Amino acid sequence: MPRPNVTREQTMEALGKLLRRYNEVGITTIFERATDRDGVGLYA
């Protein structure tokens, strides 16, 4: 399946929204089991 064509800025904005939503419902820890180096870099 091809990756969607999104910018890093769009990815970071979406990730920020997702993490804020997680925090709203009490989720404070997540685990990305199928990530790569680029994926880890999003959280650094």
PDB file of N, CA and C in Angstrom:
ATOM      1  N   MET A   1       0.847  -1.170   0.000  1.00  0.00           N
ATOM      2  CA  MET A   1       0.000   0.000   0.000  1.00  0.00           C
ATOM      3  C   MET A   1       0.899   1.243   0.000  1.00  0.00           C
ATOM      4  N   PRO A   2       0.677   2.179  -0.909  1.00  0.00           N
ATOM      5  CA  PRO A   2       1.534   3.371  -0.964  1.00  0.00           C
ATOM      6  C   PRO A   2       1.280   4.307   0.212  1.00  0.00           C
ATOM      7  N   ARG A   3       2.335   4.988   0.615  1.00  0.00           N
ATOM      8  CA  ARG A   3       2.214   5.971   1.693  1.00  0.00           C
ATOM      9  C   ARG A   3       1.489   7.220   1.185  1.00  0.00           C
ATOM     10  N   PRO A   4       0.687   7.845   2.048  1.00  0.00           N
ATOM     11  CA  PRO A   4       0.034   9.090   1.639  1.00  0.00           C
ATOM     12  C   PRO A   4       1.071  10.197   1.445  1.00  0.00           C
ATOM     13  N   ASN A   5       0.778  11.121   0.565  1.00  0.00           N
ATOM     14  CA  ASN A   5       1.694  12.220   0.278  1.00  0.00           C
ATOM     15  C   ASN A   5       1.386  13.387   1.211  1.00  0.00           C
ATOM     16  N   VAL A   6       2.031  13.396   2.383  1.00  0.00           N
ATOM     17  CA  VAL A   6       1.841  14.470   3.358  1.00  0.00           C
ATOM     18  C   VAL A   6       3.189  15.047   3.751  1.00  0.00           C
ATOM     19  N   THR A   7       3.179  16.309   4.156  1.00  0.00           N
ATOM     20  CA  THR A   7       4.422  16.959   4.579  1.00  0.00           C
ATOM     21  C   THR A   7       4.736  16.589   6.026  1.00  0.00           C
ATOM     22  N   ARG A   8       5.967  16.822   6.424  1.00  0.00           N
ATOM     23  CA  ARG A   8       6.349  16.585   7.825  1.00  0.00           C
ATOM     24  C   ARG A   8       5.520  17.485   8.744  1.00  0.00           C
ATOM     25  N   GLU A   9       5.257  18.703   8.299  1.00  0.00           N
ATOM     26  CA  GLU A   9       4.448  19.632   9.099  1.00  0.00           C
ATOM     27  C   GLU A   9       3.038  19.072   9.327  1.00  0.00           C
ATOM     28  N   GLN A  10       2.433  18.517   8.292  1.00  0.00           N
ATOM     29  CA  GLN A  10       1.104  17.922   8.426  1.00  0.00           C
ATOM     30  C   GLN A  10       1.140  16.716   9.363  1.00  0.00           C
ATOM     31  N   THR A  11       2.188  15.927   9.254  1.00  0.00           N
ATOM     32  CA  THR A  11       2.344  14.762  10.123  1.00  0.00           C
ATOM     33  C   THR A  11       2.469  15.193  11.575  1.00  0.00           C
ATOM     34  N   MET A  12       3.309  16.206  11.837  1.00  0.00           N
ATOM     35  CA  MET A  12       3.506  16.674  13.198  1.00  0.00           C
ATOM     36  C   MET A  12       2.226  17.277  13.771  1.00  0.00           C
ATOM     37  N   GLU A  13       1.474  17.999  12.961  1.00  0.00           N
ATOM     38  CA  GLU A  13       0.207  18.575  13.410  1.00  0.00           C
ATOM     39  C   GLU A  13      -0.781  17.466  13.788  1.00  0.00           C
ATOM     40  N   ALA A  14      -0.886  16.456  12.943  1.00  0.00           N
ATOM     41  CA  ALA A  14      -1.797  15.339  13.216  1.00  0.00           C
ATOM     42  C   ALA A  14      -1.355  14.567  14.462  1.00  0.00           C
ATOM     43  N   LEU A  15      -0.064  14.354  14.613  1.00  0.00           N
ATOM     44  CA  LEU A  15       0.449  13.649  15.782  1.00  0.00           C
ATOM     45  C   LEU A  15       0.153  14.440  17.051  1.00  0.00           C
ATOM     46  N   GLY A  16       0.338  15.756  16.998  1.00  0.00           N
ATOM     47  CA  GLY A  16       0.032  16.597  18.155  1.00  0.00           C
ATOM     48  C   GLY A  16      -1.431  16.500  18.552  1.00  0.00           C
ATOM     49  N   LYS A  17      -2.325  16.525  17.563  1.00  0.00           N
ATOM     50  CA  LYS A  17      -3.759  16.400  17.840  1.00  0.00           C
ATOM     51  C   LYS A  17      -4.064  15.041  18.476  1.00  0.00           C
ATOM     52  N   LEU A  18      -3.466  14.003  17.939  1.00  0.00           N
ATOM     53  CA  LEU A  18      -3.698  12.659  18.461  1.00  0.00           C
ATOM     54  C   LEU A  18      -3.207  12.535  19.907  1.00  0.00           C
ATOM     55  N   LEU A  19      -2.015  13.032  20.186  1.00  0.00           N
ATOM     56  CA  LEU A  19      -1.472  12.929  21.542  1.00  0.00           C
ATOM     57  C   LEU A  19      -2.285  13.755  22.533  1.00  0.00           C
ATOM     58  N   ARG A  20      -2.769  14.936  22.109  1.00  0.00           N
ATOM     59  CA  ARG A  20      -3.629  15.733  22.988  1.00  0.00           C
ATOM     60  C   ARG A  20      -4.925  14.980  23.298  1.00  0.00           C
ATOM     61  N   ARG A  21      -5.482  14.330  22.286  1.00  0.00           N
ATOM     62  CA  ARG A  21      -6.709  13.550  22.486  1.00  0.00           C
ATOM     63  C   ARG A  21      -6.450  12.385  23.444  1.00  0.00           C
ATOM     64  N   TYR A  22      -5.344  11.706  23.260  1.00  0.00           N
ATOM     65  CA  TYR A  22      -4.976  10.627  24.187  1.00  0.00           C
ATOM     66  C   TYR A  22      -4.945  11.159  25.622  1.00  0.00           C
ATOM     67  N   ASN A  23      -4.281  12.307  25.823  1.00  0.00           N
ATOM     68  CA  ASN A  23      -4.169  12.880  27.162  1.00  0.00           C
ATOM     69  C   ASN A  23      -5.528  13.269  27.733  1.00  0.00           C
ATOM     70  N   GLU A  24      -6.434  13.749  26.896  1.00  0.00           N
ATOM     71  CA  GLU A  24      -7.775  14.125  27.342  1.00  0.00           C
ATOM     72  C   GLU A  24      -8.522  12.949  27.966  1.00  0.00           C
ATOM     73  N   VAL A  25      -8.265  11.759  27.473  1.00  0.00           N
ATOM     74  CA  VAL A  25      -8.967  10.583  27.992  1.00  0.00           C
ATOM     75  C   VAL A  25      -8.105   9.770  28.964  1.00  0.00           C
ATOM     76  N   GLY A  26      -6.961  10.334  29.359  1.00  0.00           N
ATOM     77  CA  GLY A  26      -6.144   9.700  30.386  1.00  0.00           C
ATOM     78  C   GLY A  26      -5.039   8.787  29.900  1.00  0.00           C
ATOM     79  N   ILE A  27      -4.837   8.686  28.597  1.00  0.00           N
ATOM     80  CA  ILE A  27      -3.750   7.848  28.090  1.00  0.00           C
ATOM     81  C   ILE A  27      -2.475   8.676  28.116  1.00  0.00           C
ATOM     82  N   THR A  28      -1.480   8.210  28.859  1.00  0.00           N
ATOM     83  CA  THR A  28      -0.236   8.969  29.003  1.00  0.00           C
ATOM     84  C   THR A  28       0.970   8.259  28.406  1.00  0.00           C
ATOM     85  N   THR A  29       0.804   7.011  27.988  1.00  0.00           N
ATOM     86  CA  THR A  29       1.908   6.249  27.415  1.00  0.00           C
ATOM     87  C   THR A  29       1.406   5.488  26.194  1.00  0.00           C
ATOM     88  N   ILE A  30       2.198   5.517  25.131  1.00  0.00           N
ATOM     89  CA  ILE A  30       1.860   4.732  23.943  1.00  0.00           C
ATOM     90  C   ILE A  30       3.083   3.950  23.516  1.00  0.00           C
ATOM     91  N   PHE A  31       2.869   2.946  22.691  1.00  0.00           N
ATOM     92  CA  PHE A  31       3.957   2.112  22.189  1.00  0.00           C
ATOM     93  C   PHE A  31       3.725   1.886  20.703  1.00  0.00           C
ATOM     94  N   GLU A  32       4.671   2.288  19.887  1.00  0.00           N
ATOM     95  CA  GLU A  32       4.589   2.087  18.440  1.00  0.00           C
ATOM     96  C   GLU A  32       5.450   0.885  18.080  1.00  0.00           C
ATOM     97  N   ARG A  33       4.827  -0.257  17.955  1.00  0.00           N
ATOM     98  CA  ARG A  33       5.601  -1.496  17.749  1.00  0.00           C
ATOM     99  C   ARG A  33       6.100  -1.692  16.333  1.00  0.00           C
ATOM    100  N   ALA A  34       5.514  -1.045  15.354  1.00  0.00           N
ATOM    101  CA  ALA A  34       5.910  -1.282  13.964  1.00  0.00           C
ATOM    102  C   ALA A  34       6.506  -0.021  13.341  1.00  0.00           C
ATOM    103  N   THR A  35       7.261   0.726  14.122  1.00  0.00           N
ATOM    104  CA  THR A  35       7.829   1.967  13.597  1.00  0.00           C
ATOM    105  C   THR A  35       9.262   1.744  13.120  1.00  0.00           C
ATOM    106  N   ASP A  36       9.779   2.740  12.434  1.00  0.00           N
ATOM    107  CA  ASP A  36      11.167   2.703  11.973  1.00  0.00           C
ATOM    108  C   ASP A  36      11.885   3.929  12.534  1.00  0.00           C
ATOM    109  N   ARG A  37      13.109   4.165  12.105  1.00  0.00           N
ATOM    110  CA  ARG A  37      13.885   5.304  12.632  1.00  0.00           C
ATOM    111  C   ARG A  37      13.180   6.633  12.385  1.00  0.00           C
ATOM    112  N   ASP A  38      12.583   6.783  11.205  1.00  0.00           N
ATOM    113  CA  ASP A  38      11.852   8.015  10.904  1.00  0.00           C
ATOM    114  C   ASP A  38      10.689   8.191  11.879  1.00  0.00           C
ATOM    115  N   GLY A  39       9.987   7.111  12.171  1.00  0.00           N
ATOM    116  CA  GLY A  39       8.873   7.175  13.102  1.00  0.00           C
ATOM    117  C   GLY A  39       9.309   7.550  14.512  1.00  0.00           C
ATOM    118  N   VAL A  40      10.407   6.984  14.959  1.00  0.00           N
ATOM    119  CA  VAL A  40      10.932   7.323  16.280  1.00  0.00           C
ATOM    120  C   VAL A  40      11.309   8.801  16.322  1.00  0.00           C
ATOM    121  N   GLY A  41      11.842   9.311  15.224  1.00  0.00           N
ATOM    122  CA  GLY A  41      12.237  10.718  15.160  1.00  0.00           C
ATOM    123  C   GLY A  41      11.074  11.679  15.358  1.00  0.00           C
ATOM    124  N   LEU A  42       9.863  11.256  15.085  1.00  0.00           N
ATOM    125  CA  LEU A  42       8.701  12.126  15.293  1.00  0.00           C
ATOM    126  C   LEU A  42       8.482  12.428  16.758  1.00  0.00           C
ATOM    127  N   TYR A  43       8.921  11.541  17.630  1.00  0.00           N
ATOM    128  CA  TYR A  43       8.703  11.712  19.076  1.00  0.00           C
ATOM    129  C   TYR A  43       9.886  12.361  19.777  1.00  0.00           C
ATOM    130  N   ALA A  44      10.963  12.563  19.098  1.00  0.00           N
ATOM    131  CA  ALA A  44      12.180  13.119  19.729  1.00  0.00           C
ATOM    132  C   ALA A  44      12.155  14.625  19.772  1.00  0.00           C
TER     133      ALA A  44
END
